[in-house]
Amino acid sequence: MKKNLTDRYPVEELNEDEDDGTMPDSVQALRNQVVGQKIVNVEKAYAEYEHPDWSFTDRGHGLVLTLDNGKKVFVADTNDCCAYTQVDNFLLNAEHVDHVITGVGTTEEYTRWHIYADYGDMLQLEVGWSCGNPFYYGYGFDIAVIEDYEVTE
């Protein structure tokens, strides 16, 4: 595992048969949207969003992070045959939300994601994922900014 000086968590390295770089790319996409902001609200949701890699609109379940600048970042679950990525559970540490996000890291082979500030983890995500039949099907989160969504359980 490599450790960046700015990261609280070492960068995880998976076997090339387990991941082709998709999971680190998902972490970076989330990092690009949230670092420098504060979390105002977190909700499981169903939303329509512009697919980040393709020029089409998609819909799906996921997690909406509302930030202090009003931006709503959708962490969209993906499912393609036997490959998938999804947020199973999340834990918001309310005592830390008044701090600015400084990073996003992972542990436990990308199954626990940490959105953190200098003070500690603000939000932890339990993530289920599989590359399926490597690497024929799509997996990894779609990260998109959205306008509207429907809250789900």
C-alpha atoms as a PDB file:
ATOM      1  CA  MET A   1       0.000   0.000   0.000  1.00  0.00           C
ATOM      2  CA  LYS A   2       1.218   3.479  -0.885  1.00  0.00           C
ATOM      3  CA  LYS A   3       0.652   6.427   1.421  1.00  0.00           C
ATOM      4  CA  ASN A   4       0.242   9.941   0.077  1.00  0.00           C
ATOM      5  CA  LEU A   5       1.313  12.641   2.503  1.00  0.00           C
ATOM      6  CA  THR A   6      -2.101  14.311   2.192  1.00  0.00           C
ATOM      7  CA  ASP A   7      -4.081  11.091   2.719  1.00  0.00           C
ATOM      8  CA  ARG A   8      -5.191   9.819   6.101  1.00  0.00           C
ATOM      9  CA  TYR A   9      -5.491   6.317   4.620  1.00  0.00           C
ATOM     10  CA  PRO A  10      -2.911   4.444   2.515  1.00  0.00           C
ATOM     11  CA  VAL A  11      -3.856   4.009  -1.136  1.00  0.00           C
ATOM     12  CA  GLU A  12      -5.044   0.423  -1.499  1.00  0.00           C
ATOM     13  CA  GLU A  13      -3.638  -1.720  -4.263  1.00  0.00           C
ATOM     14  CA  LEU A  14      -5.694  -4.643  -5.473  1.00  0.00           C
ATOM     15  CA  ASN A  15      -4.591  -7.602  -7.551  1.00  0.00           C
ATOM     16  CA  GLU A  16      -4.888  -6.904 -11.289  1.00  0.00           C
ATOM     17  CA  ASP A  17      -7.421  -9.758 -11.506  1.00  0.00           C
ATOM     18  CA  GLU A  18      -9.670  -7.996  -8.958  1.00  0.00           C
ATOM     19  CA  ASP A  19      -9.652  -4.431 -10.257  1.00  0.00           C
ATOM     20  CA  ASP A  20      -8.491  -2.638 -13.387  1.00  0.00           C
ATOM     21  CA  GLY A  21      -8.254   0.781 -11.731  1.00  0.00           C
ATOM     22  CA  THR A  22     -12.000   1.384 -11.601  1.00  0.00           C
ATOM     23  CA  MET A  23     -12.239   1.559  -7.813  1.00  0.00           C
ATOM     24  CA  PRO A  24      -9.380   4.109  -7.385  1.00  0.00           C
ATOM     25  CA  ASP A  25     -10.992   6.127 -10.194  1.00  0.00           C
ATOM     26  CA  SER A  26     -14.301   6.148  -8.287  1.00  0.00           C
ATOM     27  CA  VAL A  27     -12.522   7.376  -5.148  1.00  0.00           C
ATOM     28  CA  GLN A  28     -10.844  10.159  -7.134  1.00  0.00           C
ATOM     29  CA  ALA A  29     -14.142  11.177  -8.756  1.00  0.00           C
ATOM     30  CA  LEU A  30     -15.756  11.513  -5.325  1.00  0.00           C
ATOM     31  CA  ARG A  31     -12.709  13.337  -3.967  1.00  0.00           C
ATOM     32  CA  ASN A  32     -12.928  15.834  -6.856  1.00  0.00           C
ATOM     33  CA  GLN A  33     -16.509  16.712  -5.915  1.00  0.00           C
ATOM     34  CA  VAL A  34     -16.331  16.978  -2.110  1.00  0.00           C
ATOM     35  CA  VAL A  35     -12.867  18.099  -0.938  1.00  0.00           C
ATOM     36  CA  GLY A  36     -12.935  21.671   0.348  1.00  0.00           C
ATOM     37  CA  GLN A  37     -16.637  21.548   1.277  1.00  0.00           C
ATOM     38  CA  LYS A  38     -18.696  20.563   4.312  1.00  0.00           C
ATOM     39  CA  ILE A  39     -21.431  17.914   4.418  1.00  0.00           C
ATOM     40  CA  VAL A  40     -24.871  19.348   5.206  1.00  0.00           C
ATOM     41  CA  ASN A  41     -26.994  16.231   4.641  1.00  0.00           C
ATOM     42  CA  VAL A  42     -26.745  12.581   3.523  1.00  0.00           C
ATOM     43  CA  GLU A  43     -29.686  10.549   2.169  1.00  0.00           C
ATOM     44  CA  LYS A  44     -30.287   7.325   0.273  1.00  0.00           C
ATOM     45  CA  ALA A  45     -32.056   8.315  -2.909  1.00  0.00           C
ATOM     46  CA  TYR A  46     -33.276   7.526  -6.394  1.00  0.00           C
ATOM     47  CA  ALA A  47     -32.250  10.099  -8.984  1.00  0.00           C
ATOM     48  CA  GLU A  48     -31.760  10.907 -12.626  1.00  0.00           C
ATOM     49  CA  TYR A  49     -28.240  12.015 -13.517  1.00  0.00           C
ATOM     50  CA  GLU A  50     -25.958  12.682 -16.434  1.00  0.00           C
ATOM     51  CA  HIS A  51     -23.653   9.693 -16.740  1.00  0.00           C
ATOM     52  CA  PRO A  52     -20.130  10.992 -16.004  1.00  0.00           C
ATOM     53  CA  ASP A  53     -18.381   8.971 -18.726  1.00  0.00           C
ATOM     54  CA  TRP A  54     -21.009   8.826 -21.458  1.00  0.00           C
ATOM     55  CA  SER A  55     -23.316  11.411 -22.960  1.00  0.00           C
ATOM     56  CA  PHE A  56     -26.633  10.053 -21.740  1.00  0.00           C
ATOM     57  CA  THR A  57     -28.984  10.423 -18.798  1.00  0.00           C
ATOM     58  CA  ASP A  58     -29.208   7.503 -16.389  1.00  0.00           C
ATOM     59  CA  ARG A  59     -31.331   6.761 -13.329  1.00  0.00           C
ATOM     60  CA  GLY A  60     -30.583   4.779 -10.245  1.00  0.00           C
ATOM     61  CA  HIS A  61     -30.293   4.327  -6.528  1.00  0.00           C
ATOM     62  CA  GLY A  62     -27.459   5.720  -4.494  1.00  0.00           C
ATOM     63  CA  LEU A  63     -26.466   8.253  -1.887  1.00  0.00           C
ATOM     64  CA  VAL A  64     -26.885  12.028  -2.103  1.00  0.00           C
ATOM     65  CA  LEU A  65     -24.337  14.172  -0.278  1.00  0.00           C
ATOM     66  CA  THR A  66     -25.596  17.735   0.068  1.00  0.00           C
ATOM     67  CA  LEU A  67     -22.673  20.110   0.546  1.00  0.00           C
ATOM     68  CA  ASP A  68     -22.494  23.545   2.147  1.00  0.00           C
ATOM     69  CA  ASN A  69     -22.240  25.232  -1.267  1.00  0.00           C
ATOM     70  CA  GLY A  70     -25.629  23.737  -2.230  1.00  0.00           C
ATOM     71  CA  LYS A  71     -24.161  21.103  -4.552  1.00  0.00           C
ATOM     72  CA  LYS A  72     -25.820  17.689  -4.400  1.00  0.00           C
ATOM     73  CA  VAL A  73     -23.318  14.940  -5.207  1.00  0.00           C
ATOM     74  CA  PHE A  74     -24.916  11.644  -6.217  1.00  0.00           C
ATOM     75  CA  VAL A  75     -22.907   8.497  -5.520  1.00  0.00           C
ATOM     76  CA  ALA A  76     -24.856   6.229  -7.873  1.00  0.00           C
ATOM     77  CA  ASP A  77     -24.886   2.467  -7.419  1.00  0.00           C
ATOM     78  CA  THR A  78     -24.068   0.510 -10.571  1.00  0.00           C
ATOM     79  CA  ASN A  79     -25.138  -2.948 -11.673  1.00  0.00           C
ATOM     80  CA  ASP A  80     -24.159  -4.659 -14.911  1.00  0.00           C
ATOM     81  CA  CYS A  81     -24.896  -8.394 -14.992  1.00  0.00           C
ATOM     82  CA  CYS A  82     -22.569  -9.926 -12.368  1.00  0.00           C
ATOM     83  CA  ALA A  83     -20.578  -6.719 -11.738  1.00  0.00           C
ATOM     84  CA  TYR A  84     -21.814  -4.070  -9.301  1.00  0.00           C
ATOM     85  CA  THR A  85     -20.929  -1.361  -6.821  1.00  0.00           C
ATOM     86  CA  GLN A  86     -23.320  -0.149  -4.133  1.00  0.00           C
ATOM     87  CA  VAL A  87     -23.472   1.686  -0.814  1.00  0.00           C
ATOM     88  CA  ASP A  88     -24.777  -0.873   1.679  1.00  0.00           C
ATOM     89  CA  ASN A  89     -24.731   1.380   4.764  1.00  0.00           C
ATOM     90  CA  PHE A  90     -23.407   4.739   5.868  1.00  0.00           C
ATOM     91  CA  LEU A  91     -22.507   6.362   9.166  1.00  0.00           C
ATOM     92  CA  LEU A  92     -22.479  10.138   9.458  1.00  0.00           C
ATOM     93  CA  ASN A  93     -20.401  11.404  12.372  1.00  0.00           C
ATOM     94  CA  ALA A  94     -22.473  14.510  13.141  1.00  0.00           C
ATOM     95  CA  GLU A  95     -19.881  15.923  15.551  1.00  0.00           C
ATOM     96  CA  HIS A  96     -17.409  16.276  12.645  1.00  0.00           C
ATOM     97  CA  VAL A  97     -19.631  17.792   9.950  1.00  0.00           C
ATOM     98  CA  ASP A  98     -18.676  21.360  10.819  1.00  0.00           C
ATOM     99  CA  HIS A  99     -15.205  20.675   9.436  1.00  0.00           C
ATOM    100  CA  VAL A 100     -14.068  21.028   5.819  1.00  0.00           C
ATOM    101  CA  ILE A 101     -13.516  17.762   3.927  1.00  0.00           C
ATOM    102  CA  THR A 102      -9.805  17.220   3.313  1.00  0.00           C
ATOM    103  CA  GLY A 103      -9.883  13.788   1.678  1.00  0.00           C
ATOM    104  CA  VAL A 104     -11.518  10.517   0.694  1.00  0.00           C
ATOM    105  CA  GLY A 105      -9.831   7.198   1.384  1.00  0.00           C
ATOM    106  CA  THR A 106     -10.646   3.508   1.611  1.00  0.00           C
ATOM    107  CA  THR A 107      -9.828   0.488   3.740  1.00  0.00           C
ATOM    108  CA  GLU A 108     -10.688  -3.209   3.652  1.00  0.00           C
ATOM    109  CA  GLU A 109     -10.152  -3.572  -0.113  1.00  0.00           C
ATOM    110  CA  TYR A 110     -12.464  -0.700  -1.073  1.00  0.00           C
ATOM    111  CA  THR A 111     -15.356  -1.969   1.056  1.00  0.00           C
ATOM    112  CA  ARG A 112     -15.090   0.849   3.623  1.00  0.00           C
ATOM    113  CA  TRP A 113     -14.855   4.415   2.341  1.00  0.00           C
ATOM    114  CA  HIS A 114     -13.900   7.342   4.558  1.00  0.00           C
ATOM    115  CA  ILE A 115     -14.735  10.988   3.876  1.00  0.00           C
ATOM    116  CA  TYR A 116     -12.629  12.867   6.378  1.00  0.00           C
ATOM    117  CA  ALA A 117     -11.426  16.175   7.741  1.00  0.00           C
ATOM    118  CA  ASP A 118      -8.372  17.003   9.826  1.00  0.00           C
ATOM    119  CA  TYR A 119     -10.476  16.119  12.857  1.00  0.00           C
ATOM    120  CA  GLY A 120     -11.412  12.594  11.667  1.00  0.00           C
ATOM    121  CA  ASP A 121     -13.966  10.710   9.590  1.00  0.00           C
ATOM    122  CA  MET A 122     -17.103  12.703   8.803  1.00  0.00           C
ATOM    123  CA  LEU A 123     -18.804   9.957   6.831  1.00  0.00           C
ATOM    124  CA  GLN A 124     -18.095   6.248   6.443  1.00  0.00           C
ATOM    125  CA  LEU A 125     -19.604   4.157   3.665  1.00  0.00           C
ATOM    126  CA  GLU A 126     -19.877   0.374   3.685  1.00  0.00           C
ATOM    127  CA  VAL A 127     -19.552  -0.608   0.034  1.00  0.00           C
ATOM    128  CA  GLY A 128     -20.304  -3.875  -1.695  1.00  0.00           C
ATOM    129  CA  TRP A 129     -18.658  -4.416  -5.059  1.00  0.00           C
ATOM    130  CA  SER A 130     -17.487  -6.974  -7.587  1.00  0.00           C
ATOM    131  CA  CYS A 131     -15.837  -6.650 -10.972  1.00  0.00           C
ATOM    132  CA  GLY A 132     -17.875  -9.676 -12.044  1.00  0.00           C
ATOM    133  CA  ASN A 133     -16.287 -11.473 -14.970  1.00  0.00           C
ATOM    134  CA  PRO A 134     -13.083  -9.364 -15.069  1.00  0.00           C
ATOM    135  CA  PHE A 135     -13.406  -6.874 -16.844  1.00  0.00           C
ATOM    136  CA  TYR A 136     -16.213  -7.480 -19.224  1.00  0.00           C
ATOM    137  CA  TYR A 137     -18.997  -5.735 -17.271  1.00  0.00           C
ATOM    138  CA  GLY A 138     -19.114  -2.261 -15.759  1.00  0.00           C
ATOM    139  CA  TYR A 139     -18.692  -1.532 -12.069  1.00  0.00           C
ATOM    140  CA  GLY A 140     -17.534   1.361  -9.881  1.00  0.00           C
ATOM    141  CA  PHE A 141     -19.637   4.283  -8.734  1.00  0.00           C
ATOM    142  CA  ASP A 142     -21.035   6.888 -11.077  1.00  0.00           C
ATOM    143  CA  ILE A 143     -20.390  10.233  -9.362  1.00  0.00           C
ATOM    144  CA  ALA A 144     -22.549  13.103 -10.618  1.00  0.00           C
ATOM    145  CA  VAL A 145     -23.922  16.455  -9.504  1.00  0.00           C
ATOM    146  CA  ILE A 146     -27.726  16.407  -9.566  1.00  0.00           C
ATOM    147  CA  GLU A 147     -30.575  18.860  -9.108  1.00  0.00           C
ATOM    148  CA  ASP A 148     -33.450  16.744  -7.800  1.00  0.00           C
ATOM    149  CA  TYR A 149     -33.980  13.325  -6.241  1.00  0.00           C
ATOM    150  CA  GLU A 150     -36.448  11.117  -4.416  1.00  0.00           C
ATOM    151  CA  VAL A 151     -35.521   9.964  -0.889  1.00  0.00           C
ATOM    152  CA  THR A 152     -35.577   6.166  -0.406  1.00  0.00           C
ATOM    153  CA  GLU A 153     -34.883   3.776   2.438  1.00  0.00           C
END
